[in-house]
Every structure is written in C-alpha cells, then in structure tokens.
Amino acid sequence: MRVKGGTVTKRRHKKILKLTQGYRMTKGRLYRVSKEAALHAGEYAFMGRKLRKRDLRCLWIQRINAALTPFKTPYSQFINQLKKAKIEVNRKMLADLAVSHPEAFKAVFDKANAKSTSKS
C-alpha cells in the first residue's frame, strides 16, 4: 500500500507560494519557479543585510566630509586629528552631528584641531 502525501505537499506548496506572492510573472504563481525565486530572494536578503552596513558607513563618511569643506580639512586628516586628540566618537555620531547640530560638530572639530596642533 502506498502513502499519498497530498496534504503535506499542498501545505508545503502553499507556504512557498505565500512567500512569493506579488512576484512578477509566473514566479508568484507556479510552485517550481516560485521555489527558485524564494531561494534567490533569501540570498539577496542575506547579502543586502551585509551590504547595508557598508552603504551606511559610506554615507556617514560622505556627510562628515561635506561638513568639513568649510574648514578646508580633508576627511582623513580630521579622523587622524580625532585619534591623536583621543576623541572617541564613531562615524555615525559624527555624521549625525554634522547634519543635525553643525555648531556641535564645529566644537568637536575645534577641539580635535587644537589638541593635534598643540602636540606637534
């Protein structure tokens, strides 16, 4: 006597089709194609979570660099001055200061600049 797995198969198919709901063309309708699409979507999502960190760091650096243009100081020099002055503020916070509170960013810049020029 053979066992028919109709309900189990139906449940598995429904699960995958629910995941791919709204995908283009047959990727959201046909099980075999949907299964492949769901696998790829998972890979892209995983990769995207890793890339988001890289993209945000790039954005923070760009914002800091843009805030440094009035002071005519390159980004790399500014980060070096911060390290020499032992000011431990991460790039995310610096970018937030640069955008939201420019006067506070200027204060950090002045402090880093004063410490690095007094030591050398």
N, C-alpha and C. Protein backbone atom coordinates (compact mmCIF):
# COMPACT_ATOMS: atom_id res chain seq x y z
N MET A 1 0.84 -1.18 0.00
CA MET A 1 0.00 0.00 0.00
C MET A 1 0.88 1.25 0.00
N ARG A 2 0.64 2.17 -0.91
CA ARG A 2 1.48 3.37 -0.96
C ARG A 2 0.85 4.50 -0.16
N VAL A 3 1.74 5.39 0.32
CA VAL A 3 1.28 6.54 1.10
C VAL A 3 1.23 7.75 0.18
N LYS A 4 0.11 8.40 0.18
CA LYS A 4 -0.04 9.61 -0.63
C LYS A 4 0.13 10.83 0.27
N GLY A 5 1.05 11.71 -0.08
CA GLY A 5 1.33 12.87 0.77
C GLY A 5 0.67 14.13 0.28
N GLY A 6 -0.56 14.03 -0.13
CA GLY A 6 -1.26 15.17 -0.73
C GLY A 6 -1.36 16.38 0.16
N THR A 7 -1.77 16.20 1.41
CA THR A 7 -1.96 17.36 2.30
C THR A 7 -0.64 18.01 2.66
N VAL A 8 0.37 17.17 2.87
CA VAL A 8 1.70 17.70 3.23
C VAL A 8 2.27 18.50 2.05
N THR A 9 2.14 17.94 0.86
CA THR A 9 2.65 18.61 -0.34
C THR A 9 1.91 19.93 -0.56
N LYS A 10 0.60 19.88 -0.40
CA LYS A 10 -0.23 21.08 -0.57
C LYS A 10 0.21 22.18 0.40
N ARG A 11 0.47 21.79 1.65
CA ARG A 11 0.89 22.75 2.67
C ARG A 11 2.24 23.36 2.32
N ARG A 12 3.16 22.51 1.87
CA ARG A 12 4.50 22.99 1.50
C ARG A 12 4.42 23.96 0.32
N HIS A 13 3.61 23.58 -0.68
CA HIS A 13 3.45 24.44 -1.86
C HIS A 13 2.83 25.78 -1.46
N LYS A 14 1.81 25.74 -0.61
CA LYS A 14 1.14 26.97 -0.20
C LYS A 14 2.10 27.90 0.53
N LYS A 15 2.99 27.31 1.36
CA LYS A 15 3.96 28.09 2.12
C LYS A 15 4.89 28.86 1.17
N ILE A 16 5.39 28.17 0.16
CA ILE A 16 6.31 28.81 -0.80
C ILE A 16 5.56 29.85 -1.63
N LEU A 17 4.35 29.53 -2.06
CA LEU A 17 3.58 30.46 -2.88
C LEU A 17 3.19 31.71 -2.10
N LYS A 18 2.99 31.55 -0.80
CA LYS A 18 2.68 32.71 0.05
C LYS A 18 3.91 33.63 0.15
N LEU A 19 5.09 33.01 0.22
CA LEU A 19 6.34 33.78 0.28
C LEU A 19 6.54 34.61 -0.99
N THR A 20 6.19 34.02 -2.14
CA THR A 20 6.47 34.68 -3.42
C THR A 20 5.27 35.45 -3.96
N GLN A 21 4.30 35.69 -3.13
CA GLN A 21 3.12 36.44 -3.54
C GLN A 21 3.53 37.84 -3.99
N GLY A 22 3.07 38.25 -5.15
CA GLY A 22 3.40 39.58 -5.64
C GLY A 22 4.63 39.61 -6.53
N TYR A 23 5.31 38.48 -6.70
CA TYR A 23 6.45 38.44 -7.60
C TYR A 23 5.95 38.51 -9.04
N ARG A 24 6.81 38.92 -9.96
CA ARG A 24 6.42 39.11 -11.35
C ARG A 24 6.20 37.78 -12.08
N MET A 25 5.30 37.83 -13.00
CA MET A 25 5.00 36.73 -13.94
C MET A 25 4.72 35.43 -13.19
N THR A 26 5.34 34.33 -13.62
CA THR A 26 4.99 33.03 -13.01
C THR A 26 5.71 32.79 -11.70
N LYS A 27 6.62 33.68 -11.33
CA LYS A 27 7.38 33.48 -10.09
C LYS A 27 6.49 33.52 -8.86
N GLY A 28 5.33 34.12 -8.99
CA GLY A 28 4.41 34.17 -7.87
C GLY A 28 3.28 33.17 -7.99
N ARG A 29 3.24 32.40 -9.11
CA ARG A 29 2.10 31.51 -9.35
C ARG A 29 2.45 30.03 -9.43
N LEU A 30 3.58 29.71 -10.06
CA LEU A 30 3.94 28.30 -10.26
C LEU A 30 4.92 27.86 -9.19
N TYR A 31 4.65 26.69 -8.63
CA TYR A 31 5.44 26.23 -7.47
C TYR A 31 6.92 26.09 -7.79
N ARG A 32 7.23 25.41 -8.88
CA ARG A 32 8.63 25.11 -9.17
C ARG A 32 9.44 26.41 -9.38
N VAL A 33 8.86 27.34 -10.08
CA VAL A 33 9.52 28.62 -10.34
C VAL A 33 9.57 29.45 -9.04
N SER A 34 8.48 29.39 -8.27
CA SER A 34 8.40 30.13 -7.01
C SER A 34 9.46 29.67 -6.02
N LYS A 35 9.67 28.38 -6.00
CA LYS A 35 10.66 27.81 -5.07
C LYS A 35 12.04 28.40 -5.36
N GLU A 36 12.39 28.46 -6.63
CA GLU A 36 13.68 29.01 -7.06
C GLU A 36 13.76 30.51 -6.71
N ALA A 37 12.67 31.21 -6.97
CA ALA A 37 12.62 32.65 -6.71
C ALA A 37 12.77 32.94 -5.22
N ALA A 38 12.14 32.11 -4.39
CA ALA A 38 12.21 32.29 -2.94
C ALA A 38 13.64 32.05 -2.44
N LEU A 39 14.30 31.05 -3.02
CA LEU A 39 15.70 30.77 -2.65
C LEU A 39 16.59 31.97 -2.97
N HIS A 40 16.42 32.50 -4.19
CA HIS A 40 17.24 33.65 -4.59
C HIS A 40 16.93 34.86 -3.74
N ALA A 41 15.65 35.05 -3.43
CA ALA A 41 15.26 36.20 -2.62
C ALA A 41 15.92 36.13 -1.26
N GLY A 42 15.99 34.93 -0.69
CA GLY A 42 16.65 34.75 0.60
C GLY A 42 18.13 35.10 0.54
N GLU A 43 18.76 34.69 -0.55
CA GLU A 43 20.19 35.00 -0.72
C GLU A 43 20.41 36.51 -0.84
N TYR A 44 19.54 37.15 -1.62
CA TYR A 44 19.67 38.60 -1.81
C TYR A 44 19.42 39.34 -0.50
N ALA A 45 18.47 38.85 0.26
CA ALA A 45 18.15 39.50 1.54
C ALA A 45 19.34 39.39 2.49
N PHE A 46 19.96 38.21 2.53
CA PHE A 46 21.12 37.98 3.39
C PHE A 46 22.26 38.92 2.99
N MET A 47 22.51 38.96 1.67
CA MET A 47 23.59 39.80 1.15
C MET A 47 23.29 41.28 1.43
N GLY A 48 22.02 41.64 1.27
CA GLY A 48 21.62 43.03 1.49
C GLY A 48 21.85 43.49 2.91
N ARG A 49 21.64 42.59 3.86
CA ARG A 49 21.87 42.95 5.27
C ARG A 49 23.34 43.23 5.52
N LYS A 50 24.20 42.54 4.82
CA LYS A 50 25.64 42.79 4.96
C LYS A 50 26.03 44.09 4.25
N LEU A 51 25.46 44.30 3.06
CA LEU A 51 25.82 45.48 2.27
C LEU A 51 25.30 46.76 2.90
N ARG A 52 24.18 46.67 3.64
CA ARG A 52 23.60 47.87 4.26
C ARG A 52 24.63 48.53 5.18
N LYS A 53 25.38 47.73 5.91
CA LYS A 53 26.38 48.25 6.84
C LYS A 53 27.45 49.03 6.08
N ARG A 54 27.87 48.48 4.94
CA ARG A 54 28.88 49.14 4.11
C ARG A 54 28.34 50.46 3.55
N ASP A 55 27.09 50.40 3.07
CA ASP A 55 26.49 51.59 2.45
C ASP A 55 26.31 52.72 3.47
N LEU A 56 25.89 52.36 4.68
CA LEU A 56 25.68 53.38 5.70
C LEU A 56 27.00 54.01 6.12
N ARG A 57 28.04 53.20 6.24
CA ARG A 57 29.35 53.76 6.59
C ARG A 57 29.82 54.74 5.52
N CYS A 58 29.60 54.39 4.25
CA CYS A 58 29.94 55.29 3.14
C CYS A 58 29.17 56.60 3.25
N LEU A 59 27.89 56.49 3.57
CA LEU A 59 27.06 57.68 3.70
C LEU A 59 27.56 58.58 4.83
N TRP A 60 27.90 57.97 5.97
CA TRP A 60 28.39 58.76 7.11
C TRP A 60 29.68 59.49 6.74
N ILE A 61 30.56 58.79 6.05
CA ILE A 61 31.84 59.39 5.66
C ILE A 61 31.60 60.56 4.71
N GLN A 62 30.67 60.39 3.77
CA GLN A 62 30.35 61.48 2.83
C GLN A 62 29.79 62.69 3.57
N ARG A 63 28.92 62.45 4.54
CA ARG A 63 28.34 63.55 5.30
C ARG A 63 29.39 64.29 6.12
N ILE A 64 30.28 63.53 6.74
CA ILE A 64 31.35 64.15 7.54
C ILE A 64 32.25 64.98 6.62
N ASN A 65 32.59 64.41 5.48
CA ASN A 65 33.46 65.09 4.51
C ASN A 65 32.80 66.38 4.01
N ALA A 66 31.49 66.33 3.76
CA ALA A 66 30.77 67.52 3.32
C ALA A 66 30.77 68.59 4.40
N ALA A 67 30.66 68.17 5.66
CA ALA A 67 30.65 69.14 6.77
C ALA A 67 32.04 69.74 6.98
N LEU A 68 33.07 69.04 6.51
CA LEU A 68 34.45 69.54 6.69
C LEU A 68 34.88 70.52 5.60
N THR A 69 34.12 70.64 4.52
CA THR A 69 34.53 71.53 3.42
C THR A 69 34.71 72.98 3.85
N PRO A 70 33.86 73.56 4.73
CA PRO A 70 34.12 74.95 5.14
C PRO A 70 35.43 75.12 5.90
N PHE A 71 35.90 74.04 6.55
CA PHE A 71 37.14 74.12 7.33
C PHE A 71 38.37 73.81 6.49
N LYS A 72 38.14 73.45 5.23
CA LYS A 72 39.23 73.10 4.29
C LYS A 72 40.16 72.02 4.85
N THR A 73 39.54 71.02 5.46
CA THR A 73 40.30 69.89 6.01
C THR A 73 39.77 68.60 5.39
N PRO A 74 40.65 67.77 4.85
CA PRO A 74 40.17 66.50 4.30
C PRO A 74 39.70 65.55 5.40
N TYR A 75 38.86 64.63 5.03
CA TYR A 75 38.28 63.67 5.97
C TYR A 75 39.36 62.87 6.69
N SER A 76 40.34 62.36 5.92
CA SER A 76 41.37 61.50 6.51
C SER A 76 42.18 62.25 7.57
N GLN A 77 42.47 63.53 7.30
CA GLN A 77 43.21 64.35 8.26
C GLN A 77 42.40 64.56 9.54
N PHE A 78 41.11 64.80 9.36
CA PHE A 78 40.21 65.03 10.50
C PHE A 78 40.15 63.79 11.40
N ILE A 79 40.01 62.62 10.80
CA ILE A 79 39.96 61.37 11.57
C ILE A 79 41.27 61.16 12.31
N ASN A 80 42.38 61.48 11.65
CA ASN A 80 43.69 61.37 12.28
C ASN A 80 43.80 62.32 13.48
N GLN A 81 43.30 63.54 13.32
CA GLN A 81 43.31 64.52 14.42
C GLN A 81 42.47 64.02 15.60
N LEU A 82 41.33 63.43 15.29
CA LEU A 82 40.47 62.89 16.35
C LEU A 82 41.21 61.81 17.14
N LYS A 83 41.91 60.93 16.41
CA LYS A 83 42.64 59.84 17.07
C LYS A 83 43.76 60.38 17.94
N LYS A 84 44.48 61.38 17.42
CA LYS A 84 45.57 61.98 18.19
C LYS A 84 45.05 62.68 19.44
N ALA A 85 43.89 63.30 19.32
CA ALA A 85 43.29 64.02 20.45
C ALA A 85 42.56 63.07 21.41
N LYS A 86 42.56 61.78 21.06
CA LYS A 86 41.88 60.75 21.86
C LYS A 86 40.39 61.05 22.04
N ILE A 87 39.76 61.54 20.97
CA ILE A 87 38.31 61.76 20.97
C ILE A 87 37.68 60.55 20.29
N GLU A 88 36.95 59.78 21.06
CA GLU A 88 36.36 58.55 20.52
C GLU A 88 34.88 58.76 20.21
N VAL A 89 34.63 59.28 19.02
CA VAL A 89 33.25 59.44 18.54
C VAL A 89 33.17 58.68 17.23
N ASN A 90 32.18 57.78 17.12
CA ASN A 90 32.11 56.99 15.89
C ASN A 90 31.55 57.81 14.73
N ARG A 91 31.70 57.27 13.53
CA ARG A 91 31.32 57.99 12.32
C ARG A 91 29.83 58.28 12.25
N LYS A 92 29.04 57.36 12.79
CA LYS A 92 27.58 57.55 12.78
C LYS A 92 27.21 58.80 13.59
N MET A 93 27.81 58.94 14.77
CA MET A 93 27.52 60.09 15.63
C MET A 93 28.05 61.38 15.01
N LEU A 94 29.25 61.31 14.42
CA LEU A 94 29.82 62.49 13.77
C LEU A 94 28.94 62.96 12.61
N ALA A 95 28.44 62.01 11.82
CA ALA A 95 27.58 62.36 10.69
C ALA A 95 26.28 62.98 11.19
N ASP A 96 25.74 62.45 12.28
CA ASP A 96 24.51 62.99 12.85
C ASP A 96 24.74 64.41 13.36
N LEU A 97 25.88 64.62 14.01
CA LEU A 97 26.23 65.97 14.47
C LEU A 97 26.37 66.92 13.29
N ALA A 98 27.03 66.45 12.25
CA ALA A 98 27.27 67.29 11.07
C ALA A 98 25.96 67.73 10.43
N VAL A 99 24.96 66.84 10.40
CA VAL A 99 23.69 67.16 9.76
C VAL A 99 22.77 67.93 10.69
N SER A 100 22.61 67.43 11.93
CA SER A 100 21.61 67.99 12.84
C SER A 100 22.12 69.17 13.66
N HIS A 101 23.37 69.08 14.12
CA HIS A 101 23.92 70.11 15.01
C HIS A 101 25.29 70.58 14.51
N PRO A 102 25.32 71.43 13.49
CA PRO A 102 26.60 71.86 12.93
C PRO A 102 27.50 72.58 13.94
N GLU A 103 26.88 73.32 14.89
CA GLU A 103 27.70 74.04 15.88
C GLU A 103 28.42 73.05 16.81
N ALA A 104 27.76 71.94 17.13
CA ALA A 104 28.41 70.91 17.96
C ALA A 104 29.52 70.23 17.17
N PHE A 105 29.29 70.00 15.89
CA PHE A 105 30.32 69.41 15.03
C PHE A 105 31.54 70.33 14.96
N LYS A 106 31.28 71.64 14.85
CA LYS A 106 32.38 72.61 14.81
C LYS A 106 33.17 72.58 16.11
N ALA A 107 32.47 72.39 17.23
CA ALA A 107 33.14 72.31 18.53
C ALA A 107 34.05 71.08 18.59
N VAL A 108 33.56 69.97 18.07
CA VAL A 108 34.39 68.74 18.03
C VAL A 108 35.59 68.96 17.12
N PHE A 109 35.35 69.59 15.98
CA PHE A 109 36.45 69.88 15.05
C PHE A 109 37.51 70.77 15.71
N ASP A 110 37.05 71.84 16.37
CA ASP A 110 37.99 72.77 17.02
C ASP A 110 38.80 72.07 18.11
N LYS A 111 38.12 71.22 18.86
CA LYS A 111 38.80 70.52 19.95
C LYS A 111 39.87 69.57 19.40
N ALA A 112 39.51 68.83 18.35
CA ALA A 112 40.46 67.89 17.72
C ALA A 112 41.61 68.66 17.09
N ASN A 113 41.30 69.77 16.47
CA ASN A 113 42.32 70.59 15.80
C ASN A 113 43.27 71.20 16.81
N ALA A 114 42.74 71.69 17.93
CA ALA A 114 43.56 72.32 18.97
C ALA A 114 44.50 71.32 19.61
N LYS A 115 43.99 70.12 19.90
CA LYS A 115 44.81 69.09 20.56
C LYS A 115 45.92 68.62 19.63
N SER A 116 45.58 68.41 18.34
CA SER A 116 46.60 67.88 17.43
C SER A 116 47.67 68.93 17.11
N THR A 117 47.30 70.23 17.06
CA THR A 117 48.30 71.26 16.75
C THR A 117 49.18 71.56 17.97
N SER A 118 48.63 71.41 19.17
CA SER A 118 49.41 71.70 20.36
C SER A 118 50.46 70.62 20.64
N LYS A 119 50.15 69.37 20.21
CA LYS A 119 51.09 68.27 20.46
C LYS A 119 52.26 68.27 19.49
N SER A 120 52.01 68.70 18.24
CA SER A 120 53.10 68.62 17.24
C SER A 120 53.87 69.90 17.11
